[in-house]
Amino acid sequence: MENLVKNRAFNETIIRYLERQMPDSEQVSVVITRMMGGRSWDLFGVRANWQEKGKPESDAWVFKVAPKGGILEPHDPSVEFRLLQFYKESGLPVPQPVWLEMDEATLGRPFYAMEWVEAEIPSLDDPRFEDPSEKTKYGNEFAEMLARIHSLDWQAAALDEFLPPLDASGKDPVEREITWMEEKAESMELPPTPALRALFQWLRANRPIIPNTEARLVFGDYRFDNFFWKDGKIVSLLDFEMGLIGHPMEDVAFARFLSGWAGLHGDQARHYEEA
């Protein structure tokens, strides 16, 4: 069942926003759905119909709105929007970014809008995966997509100007990321947490050291259920907010931890290395 947004004021606000973005539109109407998949940002599906130069038009977008509060505050949708633009321009299957709104006057919080993509997110225990050939097809696609991300030229696009670890200090990419995480934790003004301090100390002492030339664009949340699939192919990546410049094995470890049989084991790992 769709979780329809029935708040009249919110619906009218979206209509006025669409009218500003599409100045030739007339008689704009919307159906707005609160999307429950997001864990950190507020997601709204917006289906719109309107008249333009005497012809009926329609389209659908997802509005990703910065939440109130949260551990990642302050929320800056421009970072994710720019990364999404980069993925799109690089030929990866992602929703088309449409509008970025940093002025909080519209919804009380900044947001961006992107194309609404619809496809399936199969579970790892789906009956189709009882067939070894299906596991191979999906697993290899999962591995190949990660290799494509890690091969992107983030330096040419100067992604490090807006992606973490930004200007955090450190001798190598991993140390800079640890510094950035420490600074983020300190900004949260948590109560004294000896275990957290010990964790950062352990990370510094045991971090893998790679030269700056081996730093890669890290997806940051690479798992099987973070993509839309169709016929064994990834048709859209999802959740771009954890992107950073760092060690590519972060994504591999994340995938192995949260993606079960698809987590780049055995032949899938070899497929990643060869892609």
Protein backbone atom coordinates (compact mmCIF):
# COMPACT_ATOMS: atom_id res chain seq x y z
CA MET A 1 0.00 0.00 0.00
CA GLU A 2 1.31 3.44 -0.93
CA ASN A 3 1.99 5.83 1.93
CA LEU A 4 0.29 8.86 0.39
CA VAL A 5 1.11 12.32 1.69
CA LYS A 6 -2.25 13.96 2.39
CA ASN A 7 -0.90 17.17 3.92
CA ARG A 8 -2.50 19.79 1.69
CA ALA A 9 0.05 22.50 2.48
CA PHE A 10 2.96 20.19 1.60
CA ASN A 11 1.34 19.15 -1.68
CA GLU A 12 0.67 22.77 -2.63
CA THR A 13 4.27 23.69 -1.79
CA ILE A 14 5.54 21.03 -4.18
CA ILE A 15 3.13 22.22 -6.88
CA ARG A 16 4.39 25.80 -6.56
CA TYR A 17 7.98 24.56 -6.72
CA LEU A 18 7.28 22.57 -9.89
CA GLU A 19 5.60 25.58 -11.45
CA ARG A 20 8.76 27.62 -10.84
CA GLN A 21 10.97 24.90 -12.32
CA MET A 22 8.68 24.39 -15.32
CA PRO A 23 7.50 27.91 -16.23
CA ASP A 24 5.49 26.70 -19.25
CA SER A 25 3.43 24.31 -17.14
CA GLU A 26 -0.23 24.86 -16.30
CA GLN A 27 -2.78 23.02 -14.16
CA VAL A 28 -0.12 21.09 -12.26
CA SER A 29 -1.39 18.29 -10.05
CA VAL A 30 0.63 15.87 -7.93
CA VAL A 31 0.39 12.61 -6.06
CA ILE A 32 3.08 12.43 -3.39
CA THR A 33 4.20 9.25 -1.64
CA ARG A 34 6.35 9.01 1.46
CA MET A 35 9.00 6.45 0.53
CA MET A 36 10.11 4.29 3.43
CA GLY A 37 13.33 2.85 2.00
CA GLY A 38 15.68 5.62 3.08
CA ARG A 39 17.36 5.26 6.48
CA SER A 40 18.79 8.75 6.87
CA TRP A 41 17.19 11.24 4.47
CA ASP A 42 13.48 11.84 3.92
CA LEU A 43 12.33 10.50 0.55
CA PHE A 44 9.20 11.58 -1.31
CA GLY A 45 8.00 10.18 -4.60
CA VAL A 46 6.30 12.89 -6.67
CA ARG A 47 4.13 12.00 -9.66
CA ALA A 48 2.96 15.05 -11.57
CA ASN A 49 0.56 15.80 -14.40
CA TRP A 50 0.28 19.15 -16.14
CA GLN A 51 -0.60 20.94 -19.34
CA GLU A 52 2.16 22.49 -21.44
CA LYS A 53 1.36 24.44 -24.61
CA GLY A 54 -1.99 22.74 -24.78
CA LYS A 55 -0.62 19.19 -24.44
CA PRO A 56 -0.86 16.85 -21.43
CA GLU A 57 2.50 16.02 -19.81
CA SER A 58 3.54 13.83 -16.90
CA ASP A 59 6.68 12.83 -15.07
CA ALA A 60 7.85 11.44 -11.74
CA TRP A 61 10.73 12.31 -9.44
CA VAL A 62 12.14 11.40 -6.08
CA PHE A 63 12.71 14.34 -3.74
CA LYS A 64 15.50 13.63 -1.26
CA VAL A 65 15.11 16.02 1.65
CA ALA A 66 17.70 16.66 4.36
CA PRO A 67 16.42 15.30 7.70
CA LYS A 68 16.09 17.33 10.85
CA GLY A 69 19.04 16.50 13.08
CA GLY A 70 20.89 13.21 12.83
CA ILE A 71 24.51 12.19 13.29
CA LEU A 72 25.60 13.49 9.88
CA GLU A 73 24.40 17.05 10.43
CA PRO A 74 24.85 19.51 8.79
CA HIS A 75 23.32 17.83 5.75
CA ASP A 76 24.45 19.14 2.37
CA PRO A 77 22.51 17.67 -0.57
CA SER A 78 24.81 19.41 -3.04
CA VAL A 79 27.53 16.83 -2.27
CA GLU A 80 25.34 13.91 -3.23
CA PHE A 81 23.86 15.80 -6.18
CA ARG A 82 27.31 16.54 -7.64
CA LEU A 83 28.41 12.94 -7.13
CA LEU A 84 25.24 11.73 -8.84
CA GLN A 85 25.99 14.06 -11.77
CA PHE A 86 29.49 12.59 -12.00
CA TYR A 87 28.18 9.01 -12.04
CA LYS A 88 25.66 9.93 -14.73
CA GLU A 89 28.24 11.68 -16.91
CA SER A 90 30.54 8.66 -16.48
CA GLY A 91 27.92 6.35 -17.96
CA LEU A 92 26.92 4.51 -14.80
CA PRO A 93 23.26 3.51 -14.34
CA VAL A 94 21.96 6.13 -11.92
CA PRO A 95 18.83 8.28 -11.78
CA GLN A 96 19.07 11.52 -13.72
CA PRO A 97 19.70 14.39 -11.27
CA VAL A 98 17.15 17.13 -11.94
CA TRP A 99 17.04 19.97 -9.41
CA LEU A 100 19.11 21.04 -6.43
CA GLU A 101 17.53 23.39 -3.89
CA MET A 102 19.74 24.73 -1.13
CA ASP A 103 17.31 27.48 -0.12
CA GLU A 104 15.42 26.19 2.92
CA ALA A 105 12.51 28.53 2.22
CA THR A 106 10.74 25.91 0.09
CA LEU A 107 10.52 22.90 2.41
CA GLY A 108 12.31 24.17 5.50
CA ARG A 109 15.30 22.03 4.60
CA PRO A 110 17.56 21.72 1.54
CA PHE A 111 16.83 18.95 -0.95
CA TYR A 112 17.41 17.67 -4.43
CA ALA A 113 15.22 15.90 -6.97
CA MET A 114 16.14 13.06 -9.28
CA GLU A 115 14.45 10.82 -11.81
CA TRP A 116 12.14 8.19 -10.31
CA VAL A 117 13.45 4.79 -11.39
CA GLU A 118 11.36 1.69 -10.81
CA ALA A 119 12.72 -1.86 -10.86
CA GLU A 120 13.16 -4.71 -8.40
CA ILE A 121 15.48 -5.30 -5.46
CA PRO A 122 15.62 -9.10 -5.15
CA SER A 123 16.42 -10.57 -1.78
CA LEU A 124 19.48 -12.78 -1.44
CA ASP A 125 17.25 -15.74 -0.56
CA ASP A 126 15.00 -15.32 -3.62
CA PRO A 127 14.13 -18.76 -5.07
CA ARG A 128 15.75 -17.84 -8.39
CA PHE A 129 19.14 -18.04 -6.71
CA GLU A 130 18.71 -21.75 -6.11
CA ASP A 131 19.93 -21.94 -9.72
CA PRO A 132 23.76 -21.66 -9.67
CA SER A 133 23.75 -19.96 -13.07
CA GLU A 134 21.55 -17.17 -11.72
CA LYS A 135 23.86 -16.67 -8.76
CA THR A 136 26.79 -16.42 -11.15
CA LYS A 137 25.03 -13.93 -13.39
CA TYR A 138 23.98 -11.62 -10.56
CA GLY A 139 27.22 -12.06 -8.62
CA ASN A 140 29.40 -11.21 -11.59
CA GLU A 141 27.31 -8.13 -12.39
CA PHE A 142 27.66 -7.04 -8.76
CA ALA A 143 31.45 -7.45 -8.96
CA GLU A 144 31.78 -5.78 -12.35
CA MET A 145 29.83 -2.70 -11.27
CA LEU A 146 32.17 -2.18 -8.34
CA ALA A 147 35.17 -2.46 -10.65
CA ARG A 148 33.62 0.20 -12.89
CA ILE A 149 33.19 2.56 -9.94
CA HIS A 150 36.76 2.02 -8.78
CA SER A 151 38.10 2.70 -12.28
CA LEU A 152 36.49 6.15 -12.55
CA ASP A 153 38.88 9.10 -12.82
CA TRP A 154 37.91 11.02 -9.71
CA GLN A 155 40.99 13.24 -9.96
CA ALA A 156 40.05 14.64 -13.35
CA ALA A 157 36.65 15.56 -11.92
CA ALA A 158 38.23 16.96 -8.72
CA LEU A 159 35.84 14.96 -6.54
CA ASP A 160 38.19 15.40 -3.60
CA GLU A 161 37.12 19.05 -3.49
CA PHE A 162 33.77 18.06 -2.02
CA LEU A 163 33.99 14.40 -0.95
CA PRO A 164 35.50 13.21 2.36
CA PRO A 165 38.09 13.21 3.74
CA LEU A 166 38.41 16.73 2.27
CA ASP A 167 41.34 18.57 3.87
CA ALA A 168 41.80 16.23 6.85
CA SER A 169 45.45 15.74 7.78
CA GLY A 170 47.33 12.48 7.24
CA LYS A 171 50.25 10.88 5.44
CA ASP A 172 48.11 8.65 3.23
CA PRO A 173 44.47 8.32 2.09
CA VAL A 174 43.46 5.94 4.88
CA GLU A 175 45.00 8.05 7.65
CA ARG A 176 43.23 11.13 6.29
CA GLU A 177 39.94 9.27 6.38
CA ILE A 178 40.53 8.22 10.01
CA THR A 179 41.29 11.85 10.89
CA TRP A 180 38.10 12.95 9.15
CA MET A 181 36.06 10.38 11.11
CA GLU A 182 37.64 11.50 14.38
CA GLU A 183 36.83 15.13 13.65
CA LYS A 184 33.27 14.15 12.75
CA ALA A 185 32.89 12.27 16.04
CA GLU A 186 34.28 15.22 17.99
CA SER A 187 31.82 17.59 16.34
CA MET A 188 28.95 15.45 17.63
CA GLU A 189 29.91 16.36 21.23
CA LEU A 190 29.38 12.83 22.50
CA PRO A 191 29.87 11.99 26.18
CA PRO A 192 33.32 10.56 27.00
CA THR A 193 33.64 7.29 25.08
CA PRO A 194 36.92 5.47 25.84
CA ALA A 195 36.00 2.60 23.52
CA LEU A 196 35.68 4.99 20.58
CA ARG A 197 39.06 6.58 21.32
CA ALA A 198 40.60 3.11 21.55
CA LEU A 199 39.03 2.20 18.22
CA PHE A 200 40.58 5.19 16.45
CA GLN A 201 43.96 4.40 18.02
CA TRP A 202 43.72 0.81 16.79
CA LEU A 203 42.71 1.95 13.31
CA ARG A 204 45.71 4.25 13.06
CA ALA A 205 48.11 1.56 14.25
CA ASN A 206 46.71 -1.15 11.97
CA ARG A 207 45.56 0.79 8.91
CA PRO A 208 46.52 -0.45 5.45
CA ILE A 209 48.91 2.07 3.95
CA ILE A 210 48.49 2.85 0.27
CA PRO A 211 50.11 5.63 -1.78
CA ASN A 212 47.99 8.55 -2.87
CA THR A 213 48.08 7.22 -6.42
CA GLU A 214 46.07 4.15 -5.37
CA ALA A 215 43.23 6.08 -3.75
CA ARG A 216 39.89 5.41 -5.45
CA LEU A 217 36.34 6.68 -5.45
CA VAL A 218 34.68 4.54 -2.77
CA PHE A 219 30.93 4.00 -3.09
CA GLY A 220 30.68 3.62 0.68
CA ASP A 221 27.51 1.54 0.94
CA TYR A 222 28.12 -1.22 -1.59
CA ARG A 223 25.64 -4.00 -0.96
CA PHE A 224 23.31 -6.15 -3.04
CA ASP A 225 20.09 -4.46 -1.92
CA ASN A 226 21.32 -0.96 -2.74
CA PHE A 227 20.61 -1.38 -6.43
CA PHE A 228 17.65 -1.80 -8.72
CA TRP A 229 17.94 -4.93 -10.86
CA LYS A 230 16.32 -6.22 -14.04
CA ASP A 231 17.09 -9.55 -15.72
CA GLY A 232 20.37 -9.93 -13.88
CA LYS A 233 21.59 -6.41 -14.66
CA ILE A 234 21.94 -3.42 -12.36
CA VAL A 235 19.69 -0.74 -13.85
CA SER A 236 20.21 1.86 -11.15
CA LEU A 237 22.57 2.47 -8.25
CA LEU A 238 20.99 3.79 -5.05
CA ASP A 239 22.20 5.61 -1.92
CA PHE A 240 25.11 7.88 -2.78
CA GLU A 241 25.56 9.70 0.53
CA MET A 242 28.55 7.68 1.80
CA GLY A 243 30.86 8.30 -1.15
CA LEU A 244 34.46 9.23 -0.36
CA ILE A 245 38.02 9.09 -1.65
CA GLY A 246 39.90 6.24 0.03
CA HIS A 247 40.91 2.60 -0.09
CA PRO A 248 38.93 0.50 -2.62
CA MET A 249 38.96 -2.50 -0.30
CA GLU A 250 36.49 -0.61 1.92
CA ASP A 251 33.78 -1.40 -0.61
CA VAL A 252 34.91 -5.02 -0.94
CA ALA A 253 34.83 -5.51 2.84
CA PHE A 254 31.43 -3.82 3.09
CA ALA A 255 30.04 -6.04 0.34
CA ARG A 256 31.36 -9.20 1.97
CA PHE A 257 29.91 -8.22 5.31
CA LEU A 258 26.39 -7.36 4.08
CA SER A 259 25.84 -9.14 0.77
CA GLY A 260 25.99 -12.81 1.67
CA TRP A 261 26.76 -15.11 -1.27
CA ALA A 262 27.03 -12.07 -3.60
CA GLY A 263 29.77 -10.43 -1.52
CA LEU A 264 32.70 -10.82 -3.92
CA HIS A 265 33.82 -14.28 -2.86
CA GLY A 266 35.82 -16.71 -4.98
CA ASP A 267 35.02 -16.34 -8.68
CA GLN A 268 33.25 -13.02 -8.03
CA ALA A 269 36.47 -11.58 -6.55
CA ARG A 270 38.39 -12.76 -9.59
CA HIS A 271 35.74 -11.20 -11.83
CA TYR A 272 36.19 -7.90 -9.97
CA GLU A 273 39.97 -8.03 -10.43
CA GLU A 274 39.70 -8.83 -14.13
CA ALA A 275 36.92 -6.37 -14.99
